[in-house]
Amino acid sequence: MASRAATRVPAARALGPEALAVPAGAREDPAAFELLRQWAVDRRLAMSVCPRLEGEPADFGVLLADLFSHACEGHARQHARAESDVRASMFLAFACRLGELSRR
């Protein structure tokens, strides 16, 4: 999956009934800001990363671990699978993909 430059999406698609909700507390917190926006485009990942996003490599590791955890929990719940099985499967796929990217 590759990153692409941000493009304008018609408001009807971006803000339609399938648009994701803003997380609880984010609207009320004046310091809150969006970190990532991702789209599936032609079976590839397209994303925009907030230019205000900064930190040490370990901070980004924590961000990825939290994203991984949320994805595992959601998939397990949606597909009525054991979260431990989902985590193992997702981690294997993650490690394989990371290996592919590091060989580039």
N, C-alpha and C. Protein backbone atom coordinates (compact mmCIF):
# COMPACT_ATOMS: atom_id res chain seq x y z
N MET A 1 0.84 -1.17 0.00
CA MET A 1 0.00 0.00 0.00
C MET A 1 0.88 1.23 0.00
N ALA A 2 0.49 2.20 -0.74
CA ALA A 2 1.31 3.40 -0.87
C ALA A 2 0.51 4.62 -0.48
N SER A 3 1.22 5.64 -0.11
CA SER A 3 0.61 6.91 0.23
C SER A 3 0.49 7.75 -1.03
N ARG A 4 -0.59 8.50 -1.15
CA ARG A 4 -0.79 9.39 -2.29
C ARG A 4 -1.07 10.79 -1.78
N ALA A 5 -0.89 11.75 -2.64
CA ALA A 5 -1.20 13.13 -2.27
C ALA A 5 -2.69 13.28 -2.03
N ALA A 6 -3.05 14.15 -1.12
CA ALA A 6 -4.46 14.40 -0.81
C ALA A 6 -5.15 15.04 -2.01
N THR A 7 -6.38 14.61 -2.26
CA THR A 7 -7.20 15.19 -3.31
C THR A 7 -8.56 15.52 -2.74
N ARG A 8 -9.29 16.35 -3.43
CA ARG A 8 -10.63 16.72 -2.98
C ARG A 8 -11.61 15.60 -3.31
N VAL A 9 -12.41 15.25 -2.33
CA VAL A 9 -13.46 14.25 -2.50
C VAL A 9 -14.78 14.98 -2.39
N PRO A 10 -15.73 14.69 -3.28
CA PRO A 10 -17.02 15.37 -3.17
C PRO A 10 -17.58 15.26 -1.75
N ALA A 11 -18.11 16.35 -1.25
CA ALA A 11 -18.61 16.39 0.14
C ALA A 11 -19.63 15.29 0.39
N ALA A 12 -20.43 14.95 -0.60
CA ALA A 12 -21.44 13.91 -0.41
C ALA A 12 -20.78 12.57 -0.07
N ARG A 13 -19.62 12.28 -0.64
CA ARG A 13 -18.92 11.04 -0.32
C ARG A 13 -18.17 11.16 0.99
N ALA A 14 -17.51 12.25 1.22
CA ALA A 14 -16.70 12.41 2.42
C ALA A 14 -17.56 12.54 3.67
N LEU A 15 -18.72 13.14 3.54
CA LEU A 15 -19.55 13.42 4.71
C LEU A 15 -20.89 12.70 4.66
N GLY A 16 -20.99 11.67 3.83
CA GLY A 16 -22.23 10.93 3.68
C GLY A 16 -22.55 10.11 4.91
N PRO A 17 -23.60 9.32 4.83
CA PRO A 17 -24.04 8.54 5.99
C PRO A 17 -23.00 7.54 6.47
N GLU A 18 -22.05 7.15 5.59
CA GLU A 18 -21.03 6.20 6.00
C GLU A 18 -19.79 6.87 6.61
N ALA A 19 -19.79 8.19 6.68
CA ALA A 19 -18.65 8.91 7.26
C ALA A 19 -18.46 8.49 8.72
N LEU A 20 -17.22 8.39 9.13
CA LEU A 20 -16.93 7.99 10.50
C LEU A 20 -17.22 9.13 11.46
N ALA A 21 -17.66 8.76 12.63
CA ALA A 21 -17.98 9.76 13.65
C ALA A 21 -16.71 10.30 14.28
N VAL A 22 -16.75 11.53 14.71
CA VAL A 22 -15.65 12.12 15.47
C VAL A 22 -15.69 11.46 16.86
N PRO A 23 -14.55 10.99 17.36
CA PRO A 23 -14.54 10.28 18.66
C PRO A 23 -15.03 11.16 19.81
N ALA A 24 -15.58 10.48 20.80
CA ALA A 24 -16.09 11.16 22.00
C ALA A 24 -15.00 12.03 22.60
N GLY A 25 -15.36 13.25 22.95
CA GLY A 25 -14.44 14.17 23.59
C GLY A 25 -13.62 15.01 22.63
N ALA A 26 -13.50 14.59 21.39
CA ALA A 26 -12.64 15.33 20.45
C ALA A 26 -13.20 16.71 20.12
N ARG A 27 -14.51 16.82 20.01
CA ARG A 27 -15.11 18.12 19.69
C ARG A 27 -14.99 19.11 20.85
N GLU A 28 -15.02 18.58 22.08
CA GLU A 28 -14.99 19.44 23.26
C GLU A 28 -13.58 19.86 23.65
N ASP A 29 -12.56 19.12 23.20
CA ASP A 29 -11.18 19.40 23.58
C ASP A 29 -10.56 20.39 22.60
N PRO A 30 -10.27 21.62 23.01
CA PRO A 30 -9.73 22.61 22.08
C PRO A 30 -8.34 22.25 21.55
N ALA A 31 -7.63 21.35 22.23
CA ALA A 31 -6.30 20.94 21.78
C ALA A 31 -6.33 19.72 20.87
N ALA A 32 -7.51 19.10 20.69
CA ALA A 32 -7.62 17.90 19.87
C ALA A 32 -7.45 18.23 18.40
N PHE A 33 -6.84 17.34 17.65
CA PHE A 33 -6.72 17.51 16.21
C PHE A 33 -6.64 16.14 15.55
N GLU A 34 -7.03 16.10 14.29
CA GLU A 34 -7.03 14.86 13.52
C GLU A 34 -5.59 14.49 13.18
N LEU A 35 -5.24 13.21 13.34
CA LEU A 35 -3.88 12.75 13.07
C LEU A 35 -3.73 12.19 11.66
N LEU A 36 -4.66 11.34 11.28
CA LEU A 36 -4.58 10.64 9.99
C LEU A 36 -5.94 10.62 9.32
N ARG A 37 -5.93 10.59 8.03
CA ARG A 37 -7.14 10.34 7.25
C ARG A 37 -6.74 9.33 6.19
N GLN A 38 -7.45 8.20 6.14
CA GLN A 38 -7.08 7.12 5.23
C GLN A 38 -8.26 6.73 4.36
N TRP A 39 -7.94 6.36 3.12
CA TRP A 39 -8.95 5.93 2.16
C TRP A 39 -8.43 4.69 1.44
N ALA A 40 -9.33 3.81 1.10
CA ALA A 40 -9.00 2.68 0.21
C ALA A 40 -9.29 3.15 -1.20
N VAL A 41 -8.26 3.20 -2.04
CA VAL A 41 -8.38 3.69 -3.42
C VAL A 41 -7.70 2.67 -4.33
N ASP A 42 -8.48 2.09 -5.24
CA ASP A 42 -7.92 1.11 -6.17
C ASP A 42 -7.15 0.01 -5.43
N ARG A 43 -7.73 -0.47 -4.30
CA ARG A 43 -7.15 -1.54 -3.50
C ARG A 43 -5.80 -1.18 -2.89
N ARG A 44 -5.56 0.10 -2.74
CA ARG A 44 -4.33 0.61 -2.11
C ARG A 44 -4.72 1.62 -1.04
N LEU A 45 -3.82 1.86 -0.13
CA LEU A 45 -4.07 2.83 0.93
C LEU A 45 -3.59 4.20 0.50
N ALA A 46 -4.49 5.16 0.59
CA ALA A 46 -4.15 6.57 0.34
C ALA A 46 -4.38 7.28 1.67
N MET A 47 -3.45 8.15 2.04
CA MET A 47 -3.61 8.81 3.33
C MET A 47 -3.04 10.21 3.34
N SER A 48 -3.57 10.97 4.27
CA SER A 48 -3.04 12.29 4.60
C SER A 48 -2.64 12.23 6.06
N VAL A 49 -1.47 12.77 6.36
CA VAL A 49 -0.97 12.82 7.74
C VAL A 49 -0.92 14.28 8.15
N CYS A 50 -1.43 14.58 9.33
CA CYS A 50 -1.44 15.94 9.83
C CYS A 50 -0.03 16.49 9.90
N PRO A 51 0.22 17.65 9.31
CA PRO A 51 1.57 18.23 9.37
C PRO A 51 1.98 18.64 10.78
N ARG A 52 1.02 18.76 11.70
CA ARG A 52 1.34 19.10 13.09
C ARG A 52 1.80 17.88 13.89
N LEU A 53 1.70 16.69 13.29
CA LEU A 53 2.06 15.46 13.98
C LEU A 53 3.58 15.41 14.14
N GLU A 54 4.01 15.39 15.38
CA GLU A 54 5.45 15.35 15.65
C GLU A 54 5.69 14.48 16.87
N GLY A 55 6.93 14.12 17.08
CA GLY A 55 7.30 13.30 18.22
C GLY A 55 8.52 12.47 17.91
N GLU A 56 8.88 11.66 18.87
CA GLU A 56 10.02 10.76 18.74
C GLU A 56 9.55 9.45 18.09
N PRO A 57 10.47 8.66 17.55
CA PRO A 57 10.07 7.38 16.96
C PRO A 57 9.23 6.52 17.91
N ALA A 58 9.58 6.52 19.19
CA ALA A 58 8.80 5.73 20.15
C ALA A 58 7.35 6.21 20.23
N ASP A 59 7.12 7.51 20.07
CA ASP A 59 5.75 8.04 20.10
C ASP A 59 4.94 7.49 18.93
N PHE A 60 5.58 7.38 17.77
CA PHE A 60 4.89 6.83 16.60
C PHE A 60 4.64 5.33 16.78
N GLY A 61 5.56 4.66 17.49
CA GLY A 61 5.34 3.25 17.81
C GLY A 61 4.11 3.06 18.67
N VAL A 62 3.93 3.94 19.64
CA VAL A 62 2.74 3.89 20.51
C VAL A 62 1.48 4.14 19.67
N LEU A 63 1.54 5.11 18.77
CA LEU A 63 0.39 5.41 17.90
C LEU A 63 0.03 4.17 17.08
N LEU A 64 1.03 3.51 16.49
CA LEU A 64 0.77 2.31 15.69
C LEU A 64 0.21 1.17 16.54
N ALA A 65 0.74 1.01 17.75
CA ALA A 65 0.24 -0.05 18.64
C ALA A 65 -1.21 0.20 19.02
N ASP A 66 -1.57 1.46 19.29
CA ASP A 66 -2.95 1.79 19.62
C ASP A 66 -3.87 1.55 18.43
N LEU A 67 -3.43 1.94 17.24
CA LEU A 67 -4.22 1.70 16.03
C LEU A 67 -4.42 0.20 15.82
N PHE A 68 -3.35 -0.57 15.99
CA PHE A 68 -3.40 -2.02 15.86
C PHE A 68 -4.41 -2.61 16.84
N SER A 69 -4.37 -2.16 18.09
CA SER A 69 -5.26 -2.66 19.12
C SER A 69 -6.72 -2.37 18.78
N HIS A 70 -7.00 -1.14 18.34
CA HIS A 70 -8.37 -0.78 17.95
C HIS A 70 -8.85 -1.63 16.78
N ALA A 71 -7.98 -1.85 15.80
CA ALA A 71 -8.35 -2.67 14.65
C ALA A 71 -8.65 -4.11 15.07
N CYS A 72 -7.85 -4.65 15.95
CA CYS A 72 -8.07 -6.02 16.43
C CYS A 72 -9.39 -6.14 17.18
N GLU A 73 -9.63 -5.20 18.09
CA GLU A 73 -10.86 -5.23 18.87
C GLU A 73 -12.09 -5.12 17.97
N GLY A 74 -12.03 -4.18 17.03
CA GLY A 74 -13.17 -3.99 16.13
C GLY A 74 -13.43 -5.19 15.24
N HIS A 75 -12.37 -5.77 14.69
CA HIS A 75 -12.55 -6.93 13.81
C HIS A 75 -13.08 -8.12 14.59
N ALA A 76 -12.54 -8.35 15.78
CA ALA A 76 -13.01 -9.46 16.60
C ALA A 76 -14.48 -9.31 16.94
N ARG A 77 -14.87 -8.12 17.31
CA ARG A 77 -16.28 -7.86 17.66
C ARG A 77 -17.18 -8.03 16.44
N GLN A 78 -16.78 -7.44 15.31
CA GLN A 78 -17.61 -7.47 14.11
C GLN A 78 -17.78 -8.88 13.55
N HIS A 79 -16.75 -9.72 13.70
CA HIS A 79 -16.79 -11.05 13.10
C HIS A 79 -16.92 -12.17 14.15
N ALA A 80 -17.22 -11.79 15.38
CA ALA A 80 -17.42 -12.76 16.47
C ALA A 80 -16.28 -13.76 16.55
N ARG A 81 -15.05 -13.24 16.55
CA ARG A 81 -13.86 -14.07 16.65
C ARG A 81 -13.13 -13.75 17.95
N ALA A 82 -12.34 -14.68 18.40
CA ALA A 82 -11.52 -14.45 19.60
C ALA A 82 -10.50 -13.37 19.28
N GLU A 83 -10.40 -12.36 20.15
CA GLU A 83 -9.47 -11.27 19.90
C GLU A 83 -8.03 -11.76 19.82
N SER A 84 -7.69 -12.77 20.60
CA SER A 84 -6.32 -13.29 20.55
C SER A 84 -6.00 -13.88 19.18
N ASP A 85 -6.96 -14.55 18.55
CA ASP A 85 -6.75 -15.09 17.20
C ASP A 85 -6.60 -13.97 16.17
N VAL A 86 -7.43 -12.95 16.32
CA VAL A 86 -7.36 -11.80 15.41
C VAL A 86 -6.01 -11.11 15.56
N ARG A 87 -5.57 -10.89 16.80
CA ARG A 87 -4.28 -10.24 17.04
C ARG A 87 -3.14 -11.03 16.39
N ALA A 88 -3.15 -12.34 16.56
CA ALA A 88 -2.08 -13.18 16.00
C ALA A 88 -2.07 -13.08 14.48
N SER A 89 -3.25 -13.15 13.87
CA SER A 89 -3.34 -13.08 12.41
C SER A 89 -2.92 -11.71 11.89
N MET A 90 -3.41 -10.65 12.54
CA MET A 90 -3.05 -9.30 12.12
C MET A 90 -1.57 -9.03 12.32
N PHE A 91 -1.01 -9.53 13.42
CA PHE A 91 0.40 -9.29 13.68
C PHE A 91 1.27 -9.99 12.63
N LEU A 92 0.91 -11.20 12.25
CA LEU A 92 1.66 -11.91 11.21
C LEU A 92 1.61 -11.14 9.90
N ALA A 93 0.42 -10.67 9.51
CA ALA A 93 0.28 -9.89 8.27
C ALA A 93 1.07 -8.58 8.37
N PHE A 94 1.03 -7.95 9.54
CA PHE A 94 1.78 -6.71 9.76
C PHE A 94 3.28 -6.95 9.60
N ALA A 95 3.78 -7.99 10.24
CA ALA A 95 5.21 -8.29 10.18
C ALA A 95 5.65 -8.61 8.75
N CYS A 96 4.82 -9.36 8.03
CA CYS A 96 5.15 -9.67 6.63
C CYS A 96 5.19 -8.41 5.78
N ARG A 97 4.20 -7.54 5.95
CA ARG A 97 4.16 -6.30 5.17
C ARG A 97 5.33 -5.39 5.53
N LEU A 98 5.63 -5.31 6.79
CA LEU A 98 6.76 -4.49 7.23
C LEU A 98 8.06 -5.00 6.62
N GLY A 99 8.20 -6.32 6.54
CA GLY A 99 9.37 -6.91 5.89
C GLY A 99 9.45 -6.54 4.43
N GLU A 100 8.30 -6.56 3.74
CA GLU A 100 8.27 -6.17 2.32
C GLU A 100 8.70 -4.72 2.15
N LEU A 101 8.19 -3.85 2.99
CA LEU A 101 8.50 -2.42 2.88
C LEU A 101 9.97 -2.14 3.21
N SER A 102 10.54 -2.88 4.14
CA SER A 102 11.93 -2.61 4.52
C SER A 102 12.91 -3.12 3.46
N ARG A 103 12.47 -3.99 2.56
CA ARG A 103 13.35 -4.48 1.50
C ARG A 103 13.35 -3.57 0.27
N ARG A 104 12.56 -2.54 0.30
CA ARG A 104 12.49 -1.63 -0.86
C ARG A 104 13.75 -0.81 -0.96
